[in-house]
């Protein structure tokens, strides 16, 4: 079963500016270079993601080729777009 099937599909209205994280790699304590590694990204998704919606459905920063993924770490919820092809890789 893929990661998306395990996640709750969230209402696009959950993805607001105040929760958007543009510097997500620092939140996960990885370098920018490591954030480009698919294995690192998948580990972050597997460990911290709590829900998602189609990236094109968000009012904030809509994106056709991504999912808006909500994460929770240390009691804080935040989101950013993750390219759809990341979910296709098996690691």
PDB file of N, CA and C in Angstrom:
ATOM      1  N   UNK A   1       0.854  -1.186   0.000  1.00  0.00           N
ATOM      2  CA  UNK A   1       0.000   0.000   0.000  1.00  0.00           C
ATOM      3  C   UNK A   1       0.895   1.243   0.000  1.00  0.00           C
ATOM      4  N   UNK A   2       0.606   2.194  -0.883  1.00  0.00           N
ATOM      5  CA  UNK A   2       1.384   3.412  -0.971  1.00  0.00           C
ATOM      6  C   UNK A   2       1.084   4.389   0.162  1.00  0.00           C
ATOM      7  N   UNK A   3       1.969   5.341   0.297  1.00  0.00           N
ATOM      8  CA  UNK A   3       1.838   6.334   1.369  1.00  0.00           C
ATOM      9  C   UNK A   3       0.528   7.102   1.256  1.00  0.00           C
ATOM     10  N   UNK A   4       0.147   7.502   0.055  1.00  0.00           N
ATOM     11  CA  UNK A   4      -1.076   8.292  -0.098  1.00  0.00           C
ATOM     12  C   UNK A   4      -2.311   7.557   0.410  1.00  0.00           C
ATOM     13  N   UNK A   5      -2.354   6.263   0.200  1.00  0.00           N
ATOM     14  CA  UNK A   5      -3.513   5.496   0.649  1.00  0.00           C
ATOM     15  C   UNK A   5      -3.592   5.447   2.170  1.00  0.00           C
ATOM     16  N   UNK A   6      -2.481   5.643   2.852  1.00  0.00           N
ATOM     17  CA  UNK A   6      -2.454   5.632   4.308  1.00  0.00           C
ATOM     18  C   UNK A   6      -2.816   6.987   4.906  1.00  0.00           C
ATOM     19  N   UNK A   7      -2.758   8.030   4.088  1.00  0.00           N
ATOM     20  CA  UNK A   7      -2.986   9.382   4.586  1.00  0.00           C
ATOM     21  C   UNK A   7      -4.441   9.813   4.431  1.00  0.00           C
ATOM     22  N   UNK A   8      -4.851  10.683   5.325  1.00  0.00           N
ATOM     23  CA  UNK A   8      -6.187  11.269   5.238  1.00  0.00           C
ATOM     24  C   UNK A   8      -6.195  12.296   4.115  1.00  0.00           C
ATOM     25  N   UNK A   9      -7.239  12.270   3.319  1.00  0.00           N
ATOM     26  CA  UNK A   9      -7.388  13.284   2.283  1.00  0.00           C
ATOM     27  C   UNK A   9      -8.039  14.499   2.941  1.00  0.00           C
ATOM     28  N   UNK A  10      -7.331  15.617   2.942  1.00  0.00           N
ATOM     29  CA  UNK A  10      -7.763  16.810   3.661  1.00  0.00           C
ATOM     30  C   UNK A  10      -8.470  17.805   2.746  1.00  0.00           C
ATOM     31  N   UNK A  11      -9.307  18.612   3.355  1.00  0.00           N
ATOM     32  CA  UNK A  11      -9.977  19.700   2.662  1.00  0.00           C
ATOM     33  C   UNK A  11      -8.924  20.721   2.234  1.00  0.00           C
ATOM     34  N   UNK A  12      -8.991  21.213   1.006  1.00  0.00           N
ATOM     35  CA  UNK A  12      -7.996  22.184   0.549  1.00  0.00           C
ATOM     36  C   UNK A  12      -7.942  23.447   1.409  1.00  0.00           C
ATOM     37  N   UNK A  13      -9.006  23.734   2.125  1.00  0.00           N
ATOM     38  CA  UNK A  13      -9.021  24.922   2.978  1.00  0.00           C
ATOM     39  C   UNK A  13      -8.105  24.786   4.190  1.00  0.00           C
ATOM     40  N   UNK A  14      -7.601  23.578   4.457  1.00  0.00           N
ATOM     41  CA  UNK A  14      -6.627  23.372   5.540  1.00  0.00           C
ATOM     42  C   UNK A  14      -5.256  23.932   5.178  1.00  0.00           C
ATOM     43  N   UNK A  15      -5.015  24.124   3.890  1.00  0.00           N
ATOM     44  CA  UNK A  15      -3.697  24.520   3.407  1.00  0.00           C
ATOM     45  C   UNK A  15      -3.652  26.041   3.253  1.00  0.00           C
ATOM     46  N   UNK A  16      -3.357  26.710   4.364  1.00  0.00           N
ATOM     47  CA  UNK A  16      -3.395  28.179   4.426  1.00  0.00           C
ATOM     48  C   UNK A  16      -1.974  28.740   4.487  1.00  0.00           C
ATOM     49  N   UNK A  17      -1.859  30.057   4.207  1.00  0.00           N
ATOM     50  CA  UNK A  17      -0.547  30.713   4.199  1.00  0.00           C
ATOM     51  C   UNK A  17       0.188  30.540   5.514  1.00  0.00           C
ATOM     52  N   UNK A  18      -0.537  30.664   6.605  1.00  0.00           N
ATOM     53  CA  UNK A  18       0.094  30.631   7.923  1.00  0.00           C
ATOM     54  C   UNK A  18       0.756  29.290   8.230  1.00  0.00           C
ATOM     55  N   UNK A  19       0.347  28.253   7.524  1.00  0.00           N
ATOM     56  CA  UNK A  19       0.916  26.922   7.771  1.00  0.00           C
ATOM     57  C   UNK A  19       1.864  26.471   6.657  1.00  0.00           C
ATOM     58  N   UNK A  20       2.028  27.286   5.618  1.00  0.00           N
ATOM     59  CA  UNK A  20       2.924  26.928   4.524  1.00  0.00           C
ATOM     60  C   UNK A  20       4.377  27.081   4.975  1.00  0.00           C
ATOM     61  N   UNK A  21       5.188  26.083   4.693  1.00  0.00           N
ATOM     62  CA  UNK A  21       6.597  26.096   5.120  1.00  0.00           C
ATOM     63  C   UNK A  21       7.501  26.085   3.898  1.00  0.00           C
ATOM     64  N   UNK A  22       8.152  27.217   3.647  1.00  0.00           N
ATOM     65  CA  UNK A  22       9.027  27.326   2.482  1.00  0.00           C
ATOM     66  C   UNK A  22      10.436  26.802   2.770  1.00  0.00           C
ATOM     67  N   UNK A  23      10.763  26.639   4.022  1.00  0.00           N
ATOM     68  CA  UNK A  23      12.101  26.227   4.425  1.00  0.00           C
ATOM     69  C   UNK A  23      12.028  24.873   5.130  1.00  0.00           C
ATOM     70  N   UNK A  24      11.288  23.956   4.554  1.00  0.00           N
ATOM     71  CA  UNK A  24      10.937  22.701   5.222  1.00  0.00           C
ATOM     72  C   UNK A  24      12.130  21.837   5.590  1.00  0.00           C
ATOM     73  N   UNK A  25      13.192  21.872   4.806  1.00  0.00           N
ATOM     74  CA  UNK A  25      14.339  21.008   5.086  1.00  0.00           C
ATOM     75  C   UNK A  25      14.958  21.330   6.444  1.00  0.00           C
ATOM     76  N   UNK A  26      14.941  22.608   6.834  1.00  0.00           N
ATOM     77  CA  UNK A  26      15.456  22.964   8.159  1.00  0.00           C
ATOM     78  C   UNK A  26      14.568  22.422   9.269  1.00  0.00           C
ATOM     79  N   UNK A  27      13.263  22.391   9.049  1.00  0.00           N
ATOM     80  CA  UNK A  27      12.341  21.839  10.041  1.00  0.00           C
ATOM     81  C   UNK A  27      12.666  20.363  10.287  1.00  0.00           C
ATOM     82  N   UNK A  28      13.055  19.664   9.238  1.00  0.00           N
ATOM     83  CA  UNK A  28      13.395  18.247   9.341  1.00  0.00           C
ATOM     84  C   UNK A  28      14.886  18.022   9.625  1.00  0.00           C
ATOM     85  N   UNK A  29      15.613  19.105   9.863  1.00  0.00           N
ATOM     86  CA  UNK A  29      17.044  19.025  10.199  1.00  0.00           C
ATOM     87  C   UNK A  29      17.882  18.332   9.126  1.00  0.00           C
ATOM     88  N   UNK A  30      17.615  18.667   7.865  1.00  0.00           N
ATOM     89  CA  UNK A  30      18.434  18.172   6.765  1.00  0.00           C
ATOM     90  C   UNK A  30      18.968  19.371   5.985  1.00  0.00           C
ATOM     91  N   UNK A  31      20.055  19.173   5.282  1.00  0.00           N
ATOM     92  CA  UNK A  31      20.602  20.244   4.457  1.00  0.00           C
ATOM     93  C   UNK A  31      19.763  20.395   3.190  1.00  0.00           C
ATOM     94  N   UNK A  32      19.884  21.533   2.542  1.00  0.00           N
ATOM     95  CA  UNK A  32      19.158  21.719   1.289  1.00  0.00           C
ATOM     96  C   UNK A  32      19.571  20.658   0.280  1.00  0.00           C
ATOM     97  N   UNK A  33      20.876  20.376   0.202  1.00  0.00           N
ATOM     98  CA  UNK A  33      21.366  19.360  -0.740  1.00  0.00           C
ATOM     99  C   UNK A  33      20.715  18.004  -0.459  1.00  0.00           C
ATOM    100  N   UNK A  34      20.651  17.615   0.803  1.00  0.00           N
ATOM    101  CA  UNK A  34      20.028  16.335   1.152  1.00  0.00           C
ATOM    102  C   UNK A  34      18.522  16.340   0.884  1.00  0.00           C
ATOM    103  N   UNK A  35      17.903  17.515   0.939  1.00  0.00           N
ATOM    104  CA  UNK A  35      16.459  17.590   0.691  1.00  0.00           C
ATOM    105  C   UNK A  35      16.107  17.233  -0.749  1.00  0.00           C
ATOM    106  N   UNK A  36      17.084  17.288  -1.641  1.00  0.00           N
ATOM    107  CA  UNK A  36      16.870  16.942  -3.044  1.00  0.00           C
ATOM    108  C   UNK A  36      16.932  15.438  -3.286  1.00  0.00           C
ATOM    109  N   UNK A  37      17.354  14.689  -2.285  1.00  0.00           N
ATOM    110  CA  UNK A  37      17.464  13.240  -2.365  1.00  0.00           C
ATOM    111  C   UNK A  37      16.082  12.614  -2.151  1.00  0.00           C
ATOM    112  N   UNK A  38      15.655  11.808  -3.093  1.00  0.00           N
ATOM    113  CA  UNK A  38      14.324  11.195  -3.031  1.00  0.00           C
ATOM    114  C   UNK A  38      14.166  10.340  -1.771  1.00  0.00           C
ATOM    115  N   UNK A  39      15.209   9.635  -1.381  1.00  0.00           N
ATOM    116  CA  UNK A  39      15.131   8.795  -0.176  1.00  0.00           C
ATOM    117  C   UNK A  39      14.895   9.638   1.073  1.00  0.00           C
ATOM    118  N   UNK A  40      15.546  10.783   1.157  1.00  0.00           N
ATOM    119  CA  UNK A  40      15.362  11.684   2.299  1.00  0.00           C
ATOM    120  C   UNK A  40      13.929  12.208   2.308  1.00  0.00           C
ATOM    121  N   UNK A  41      13.452  12.627   1.149  1.00  0.00           N
ATOM    122  CA  UNK A  41      12.076  13.144   1.059  1.00  0.00           C
ATOM    123  C   UNK A  41      11.069  12.074   1.456  1.00  0.00           C
ATOM    124  N   UNK A  42      11.242  10.865   0.961  1.00  0.00           N
ATOM    125  CA  UNK A  42      10.301   9.785   1.288  1.00  0.00           C
ATOM    126  C   UNK A  42      10.330   9.464   2.780  1.00  0.00           C
ATOM    127  N   UNK A  43      11.499   9.522   3.387  1.00  0.00           N
ATOM    128  CA  UNK A  43      11.586   9.270   4.831  1.00  0.00           C
ATOM    129  C   UNK A  43      10.821  10.346   5.607  1.00  0.00           C
ATOM    130  N   UNK A  44      10.951  11.601   5.200  1.00  0.00           N
ATOM    131  CA  UNK A  44      10.207  12.695   5.846  1.00  0.00           C
ATOM    132  C   UNK A  44       8.703  12.480   5.682  1.00  0.00           C
ATOM    133  N   UNK A  45       8.294  12.095   4.497  1.00  0.00           N
ATOM    134  CA  UNK A  45       6.867  11.848   4.240  1.00  0.00           C
ATOM    135  C   UNK A  45       6.382  10.689   5.095  1.00  0.00           C
ATOM    136  N   UNK A  46       7.122   9.595   5.102  1.00  0.00           N
ATOM    137  CA  UNK A  46       6.720   8.411   5.875  1.00  0.00           C
ATOM    138  C   UNK A  46       6.645   8.703   7.368  1.00  0.00           C
ATOM    139  N   UNK A  47       7.534   9.545   7.857  1.00  0.00           N
ATOM    140  CA  UNK A  47       7.630   9.796   9.290  1.00  0.00           C
ATOM    141  C   UNK A  47       6.665  10.871   9.782  1.00  0.00           C
ATOM    142  N   UNK A  48       6.477  11.939   9.015  1.00  0.00           N
ATOM    143  CA  UNK A  48       5.784  13.111   9.536  1.00  0.00           C
ATOM    144  C   UNK A  48       4.485  13.505   8.832  1.00  0.00           C
ATOM    145  N   UNK A  49       4.160  12.910   7.698  1.00  0.00           N
ATOM    146  CA  UNK A  49       2.965  13.362   6.976  1.00  0.00           C
ATOM    147  C   UNK A  49       1.694  12.871   7.667  1.00  0.00           C
ATOM    148  N   UNK A  50       0.671  13.730   7.634  1.00  0.00           N
ATOM    149  CA  UNK A  50      -0.611  13.393   8.275  1.00  0.00           C
ATOM    150  C   UNK A  50      -1.788  13.493   7.316  1.00  0.00           C
ATOM    151  N   UNK A  51      -1.602  14.124   6.175  1.00  0.00           N
ATOM    152  CA  UNK A  51      -2.685  14.251   5.211  1.00  0.00           C
ATOM    153  C   UNK A  51      -2.220  14.960   3.952  1.00  0.00           C
ATOM    154  N   UNK A  52      -3.116  14.993   2.981  1.00  0.00           N
ATOM    155  CA  UNK A  52      -2.758  15.608   1.698  1.00  0.00           C
ATOM    156  C   UNK A  52      -4.014  16.027   0.938  1.00  0.00           C
ATOM    157  N   UNK A  53      -3.809  16.788  -0.112  1.00  0.00           N
ATOM    158  CA  UNK A  53      -4.848  17.043  -1.114  1.00  0.00           C
ATOM    159  C   UNK A  53      -4.146  17.326  -2.439  1.00  0.00           C
ATOM    160  N   UNK A  54      -4.900  17.267  -3.512  1.00  0.00           N
ATOM    161  CA  UNK A  54      -4.351  17.597  -4.831  1.00  0.00           C
ATOM    162  C   UNK A  54      -3.793  19.017  -4.786  1.00  0.00           C
ATOM    163  N   UNK A  55      -2.572  19.176  -5.243  1.00  0.00           N
ATOM    164  CA  UNK A  55      -1.928  20.484  -5.218  1.00  0.00           C
ATOM    165  C   UNK A  55      -2.672  21.545  -6.005  1.00  0.00           C
ATOM    166  N   UNK A  56      -3.401  21.149  -7.018  1.00  0.00           N
ATOM    167  CA  UNK A  56      -4.146  22.112  -7.840  1.00  0.00           C
ATOM    168  C   UNK A  56      -5.381  22.639  -7.129  1.00  0.00           C
ATOM    169  N   UNK A  57      -5.800  21.985  -6.037  1.00  0.00           N
ATOM    170  CA  UNK A  57      -7.018  22.389  -5.332  1.00  0.00           C
ATOM    171  C   UNK A  57      -6.768  23.421  -4.230  1.00  0.00           C
ATOM    172  N   UNK A  58      -5.507  23.666  -3.884  1.00  0.00           N
ATOM    173  CA  UNK A  58      -5.233  24.632  -2.823  1.00  0.00           C
ATOM    174  C   UNK A  58      -5.432  26.050  -3.343  1.00  0.00           C
ATOM    175  N   UNK A  59      -5.933  26.893  -2.498  1.00  0.00           N
ATOM    176  CA  UNK A  59      -6.085  28.309  -2.850  1.00  0.00           C
ATOM    177  C   UNK A  59      -4.723  28.985  -2.774  1.00  0.00           C
ATOM    178  N   UNK A  60      -3.910  28.569  -1.810  1.00  0.00           N
ATOM    179  CA  UNK A  60      -2.567  29.103  -1.626  1.00  0.00           C
ATOM    180  C   UNK A  60      -1.599  28.296  -2.484  1.00  0.00           C
ATOM    181  N   UNK A  61      -0.920  28.947  -3.378  1.00  0.00           N
ATOM    182  CA  UNK A  61       0.121  28.326  -4.198  1.00  0.00           C
ATOM    183  C   UNK A  61      -0.339  27.057  -4.923  1.00  0.00           C
ATOM    184  N   UNK A  62      -1.437  27.096  -5.666  1.00  0.00           N
ATOM    185  CA  UNK A  62      -1.872  25.889  -6.382  1.00  0.00           C
ATOM    186  C   UNK A  62      -0.783  25.401  -7.339  1.00  0.00           C
ATOM    187  N   UNK A  63      -0.686  24.078  -7.462  1.00  0.00           N
ATOM    188  CA  UNK A  63       0.356  23.479  -8.284  1.00  0.00           C
ATOM    189  C   UNK A  63      -0.187  22.199  -8.904  1.00  0.00           C
ATOM    190  N   UNK A  64      -0.188  22.120 -10.219  1.00  0.00           N
ATOM    191  CA  UNK A  64      -0.792  20.984 -10.929  1.00  0.00           C
ATOM    192  C   UNK A  64      -0.056  19.664 -10.760  1.00  0.00           C
ATOM    193  N   UNK A  65       1.250  19.694 -10.645  1.00  0.00           N
ATOM    194  CA  UNK A  65       2.031  18.465 -10.647  1.00  0.00           C
ATOM    195  C   UNK A  65       2.485  18.034  -9.255  1.00  0.00           C
ATOM    196  N   UNK A  66       1.685  18.377  -8.248  1.00  0.00           N
ATOM    197  CA  UNK A  66       2.096  18.058  -6.892  1.00  0.00           C
ATOM    198  C   UNK A  66       0.900  17.714  -6.016  1.00  0.00           C
ATOM    199  N   UNK A  67       1.227  17.204  -4.845  1.00  0.00           N
ATOM    200  CA  UNK A  67       0.250  17.075  -3.768  1.00  0.00           C
ATOM    201  C   UNK A  67       0.650  18.085  -2.703  1.00  0.00           C
ATOM    202  N   UNK A  68      -0.326  18.716  -2.111  1.00  0.00           N
ATOM    203  CA  UNK A  68      -0.073  19.533  -0.925  1.00  0.00           C
ATOM    204  C   UNK A  68      -0.102  18.544   0.233  1.00  0.00           C
ATOM    205  N   UNK A  69       1.002  18.440   0.951  1.00  0.00           N
ATOM    206  CA  UNK A  69       1.113  17.446   2.016  1.00  0.00           C
ATOM    207  C   UNK A  69       1.236  18.170   3.351  1.00  0.00           C
ATOM    208  N   UNK A  70       0.401  17.760   4.302  1.00  0.00           N
ATOM    209  CA  UNK A  70       0.430  18.318   5.652  1.00  0.00           C
ATOM    210  C   UNK A  70       1.306  17.418   6.512  1.00  0.00           C
ATOM    211  N   UNK A  71       2.174  18.040   7.274  1.00  0.00           N
ATOM    212  CA  UNK A  71       3.095  17.338   8.160  1.00  0.00           C
ATOM    213  C   UNK A  71       2.858  17.799   9.593  1.00  0.00           C
ATOM    214  N   UNK A  72       3.261  16.953  10.528  1.00  0.00           N
ATOM    215  CA  UNK A  72       3.248  17.346  11.937  1.00  0.00           C
ATOM    216  C   UNK A  72       4.558  16.914  12.568  1.00  0.00           C
ATOM    217  N   UNK A  73       5.222  17.896  13.193  1.00  0.00           N
ATOM    218  CA  UNK A  73       6.488  17.622  13.881  1.00  0.00           C
ATOM    219  C   UNK A  73       6.540  18.499  15.119  1.00  0.00           C
ATOM    220  N   UNK A  74       6.856  17.899  16.240  1.00  0.00           N
ATOM    221  CA  UNK A  74       6.963  18.610  17.509  1.00  0.00           C
ATOM    222  C   UNK A  74       5.698  19.401  17.831  1.00  0.00           C
ATOM    223  N   UNK A  75       4.552  18.841  17.494  1.00  0.00           N
ATOM    224  CA  UNK A  75       3.273  19.467  17.805  1.00  0.00           C
ATOM    225  C   UNK A  75       2.847  20.570  16.851  1.00  0.00           C
ATOM    226  N   UNK A  76       3.654  20.875  15.842  1.00  0.00           N
ATOM    227  CA  UNK A  76       3.323  21.913  14.866  1.00  0.00           C
ATOM    228  C   UNK A  76       2.921  21.271  13.550  1.00  0.00           C
ATOM    229  N   UNK A  77       1.877  21.812  12.947  1.00  0.00           N
ATOM    230  CA  UNK A  77       1.462  21.361  11.613  1.00  0.00           C
ATOM    231  C   UNK A  77       1.866  22.404  10.586  1.00  0.00           C
ATOM    232  N   UNK A  78       2.356  21.900   9.463  1.00  0.00           N
ATOM    233  CA  UNK A  78       2.778  22.758   8.361  1.00  0.00           C
ATOM    234  C   UNK A  78       2.663  21.950   7.077  1.00  0.00           C
ATOM    235  N   UNK A  79       2.713  22.637   5.957  1.00  0.00           N
ATOM    236  CA  UNK A  79       2.569  21.938   4.677  1.00  0.00           C
ATOM    237  C   UNK A  79       3.477  22.556   3.632  1.00  0.00           C
ATOM    238  N   UNK A  80       3.681  21.774   2.600  1.00  0.00           N
ATOM    239  CA  UNK A  80       4.333  22.245   1.385  1.00  0.00           C
ATOM    240  C   UNK A  80       3.990  21.273   0.268  1.00  0.00           C
ATOM    241  N   UNK A  81       4.259  21.673  -0.957  1.00  0.00           N
ATOM    242  CA  UNK A  81       3.975  20.825  -2.112  1.00  0.00           C
ATOM    243  C   UNK A  81       5.072  19.785  -2.292  1.00  0.00           C
ATOM    244  N   UNK A  82       4.659  18.587  -2.644  1.00  0.00           N
ATOM    245  CA  UNK A  82       5.584  17.498  -2.962  1.00  0.00           C
ATOM    246  C   UNK A  82       5.217  17.009  -4.360  1.00  0.00           C
ATOM    247  N   UNK A  83       6.205  16.969  -5.233  1.00  0.00           N
ATOM    248  CA  UNK A  83       5.940  16.525  -6.603  1.00  0.00           C
ATOM    249  C   UNK A  83       5.345  15.124  -6.613  1.00  0.00           C
ATOM    250  N   UNK A  84       4.375  14.914  -7.474  1.00  0.00           N
ATOM    251  CA  UNK A  84       3.675  13.627  -7.545  1.00  0.00           C
ATOM    252  C   UNK A  84       4.615  12.469  -7.845  1.00  0.00           C
ATOM    253  N   UNK A  85       5.635  12.705  -8.655  1.00  0.00           N
ATOM    254  CA  UNK A  85       6.525  11.596  -9.023  1.00  0.00           C
ATOM    255  C   UNK A  85       7.300  11.041  -7.830  1.00  0.00           C
ATOM    256  N   UNK A  86       7.454  11.797  -6.757  1.00  0.00           N
ATOM    257  CA  UNK A  86       8.136  11.296  -5.553  1.00  0.00           C
ATOM    258  C   UNK A  86       7.412  10.076  -4.996  1.00  0.00           C
ATOM    259  N   UNK A  87       6.078  10.070  -5.094  1.00  0.00           N
ATOM    260  CA  UNK A  87       5.288   8.978  -4.544  1.00  0.00           C
ATOM    261  C   UNK A  87       5.360   7.702  -5.392  1.00  0.00           C
ATOM    262  N   UNK A  88       5.917   7.808  -6.585  1.00  0.00           N
ATOM    263  CA  UNK A  88       6.026   6.657  -7.483  1.00  0.00           C
ATOM    264  C   UNK A  88       7.295   5.852  -7.242  1.00  0.00           C
ATOM    265  N   UNK A  89       8.299   6.453  -6.602  1.00  0.00           N
ATOM    266  CA  UNK A  89       9.571   5.790  -6.387  1.00  0.00           C
ATOM    267  C   UNK A  89       9.470   4.787  -5.247  1.00  0.00           C
ATOM    268  N   UNK A  90      10.091   3.634  -5.472  1.00  0.00           N
ATOM    269  CA  UNK A  90      10.216   2.621  -4.422  1.00  0.00           C
ATOM    270  C   UNK A  90      11.637   2.722  -3.880  1.00  0.00           C
ATOM    271  N   UNK A  91      11.758   2.894  -2.593  1.00  0.00           N
ATOM    272  CA  UNK A  91      13.106   2.970  -1.988  1.00  0.00           C
ATOM    273  C   UNK A  91      13.234   1.945  -0.886  1.00  0.00           C
TER     274      UNK A  91
END
